[in-house]
C-alpha atoms as a PDB file:
ATOM      1  CA  MET A   1      -0.023   0.022   0.023  1.00  0.00           C
ATOM      2  CA  ALA A   2       2.824   2.295   0.775  1.00  0.00           C
ATOM      3  CA  LYS A   3       4.432   1.645  -2.567  1.00  0.00           C
ATOM      4  CA  ALA A   4       0.999   2.655  -4.324  1.00  0.00           C
ATOM      5  CA  ILE A   5       1.022   6.060  -2.235  1.00  0.00           C
ATOM      6  CA  ASN A   6       4.549   6.631  -3.099  1.00  0.00           C
ATOM      7  CA  LEU A   7       3.841   5.903  -6.884  1.00  0.00           C
ATOM      8  CA  SER A   8       0.958   8.278  -6.889  1.00  0.00           C
ATOM      9  CA  PHE A   9       2.876  11.011  -5.191  1.00  0.00           C
ATOM     10  CA  PHE A  10       5.991  10.598  -7.790  1.00  0.00           C
ATOM     11  CA  LEU A  11       3.345  10.739 -10.729  1.00  0.00           C
ATOM     12  CA  SER A  12       1.710  14.000  -9.549  1.00  0.00           C
ATOM     13  CA  PHE A  13       5.234  15.473  -8.867  1.00  0.00           C
ATOM     14  CA  PHE A  14       6.362  14.368 -12.203  1.00  0.00           C
ATOM     15  CA  LEU A  15       3.210  15.783 -13.926  1.00  0.00           C
ATOM     16  CA  SER A  16       3.514  19.117 -12.232  1.00  0.00           C
ATOM     17  CA  PHE A  17       7.108  19.458 -13.532  1.00  0.00           C
ATOM     18  CA  PHE A  18       6.788  17.871 -16.877  1.00  0.00           C
ATOM     19  CA  PRO A  19       5.959  21.217 -18.794  1.00  0.00           C
ATOM     20  CA  PHE A  20       9.096  22.798 -17.260  1.00  0.00           C
ATOM     21  CA  PHE A  21      11.232  19.841 -18.294  1.00  0.00           C
ATOM     22  CA  LEU A  22       9.636  20.218 -21.644  1.00  0.00           C
ATOM     23  CA  LEU A  23      10.519  23.848 -22.010  1.00  0.00           C
ATOM     24  CA  LEU A  24      14.079  23.037 -20.719  1.00  0.00           C
ATOM     25  CA  GLU A  25      14.386  20.446 -23.348  1.00  0.00           C
ATOM     26  CA  LYS A  26      13.161  22.651 -26.162  1.00  0.00           C
ATOM     27  CA  ARG A  27      15.476  25.328 -25.173  1.00  0.00           C
ATOM     28  CA  LEU A  28      18.625  23.086 -25.013  1.00  0.00           C
ATOM     29  CA  SER A  29      17.447  21.445 -28.435  1.00  0.00           C
ATOM     30  CA  SER A  30      16.975  24.579 -30.210  1.00  0.00           C
ATOM     31  CA  ARG A  31      20.195  26.449 -29.883  1.00  0.00           C
ATOM     32  CA  GLY A  32      20.801  26.345 -33.610  1.00  0.00           C
ATOM     33  CA  LYS A  33      17.127  27.325 -34.475  1.00  0.00           C
ATOM     34  CA  THR A  34      15.321  30.655 -34.177  1.00  0.00           C
ATOM     35  CA  ILE A  35      13.226  30.037 -31.073  1.00  0.00           C
ATOM     36  CA  ALA A  36      15.261  29.928 -27.819  1.00  0.00           C
ATOM     37  CA  TYR A  37      13.923  29.638 -24.397  1.00  0.00           C
ATOM     38  CA  GLN A  38      15.942  31.605 -21.800  1.00  0.00           C
ATOM     39  CA  PRO A  39      15.197  32.055 -18.182  1.00  0.00           C
ATOM     40  CA  ARG A  40      14.897  35.527 -17.113  1.00  0.00           C
ATOM     41  CA  TYR A  41      15.109  36.543 -13.293  1.00  0.00           C
ATOM     42  CA  ASN A  42      12.190  38.949 -12.355  1.00  0.00           C
ATOM     43  CA  ASP A  43      12.146  41.132  -9.415  1.00  0.00           C
ATOM     44  CA  VAL A  44      10.963  38.538  -6.970  1.00  0.00           C
ATOM     45  CA  GLY A  45      13.994  36.404  -7.889  1.00  0.00           C
ATOM     46  CA  SER A  46      12.140  33.537  -9.292  1.00  0.00           C
ATOM     47  CA  ILE A  47      12.844  32.488 -12.985  1.00  0.00           C
ATOM     48  CA  GLU A  48      10.480  33.356 -15.760  1.00  0.00           C
ATOM     49  CA  LEU A  49      10.876  31.415 -19.077  1.00  0.00           C
ATOM     50  CA  GLN A  50      11.194  34.364 -21.710  1.00  0.00           C
ATOM     51  CA  ARG A  51      10.513  33.263 -25.270  1.00  0.00           C
ATOM     52  CA  GLU A  52      13.002  34.964 -27.840  1.00  0.00           C
ATOM     53  CA  LEU A  53      12.086  35.122 -31.504  1.00  0.00           C
END
């Protein structure tokens, strides 16, 4: 039972961070392309993903 709870927690954790990983991978794989995602630090200090065209 503990394994099932662990697995569901891991799945929710992974799904919540999946778009960020997708953006990061797109940014890393598109170095030679026109669209690049770069992290930008706002006033609060958190990272905003800024899309550069």
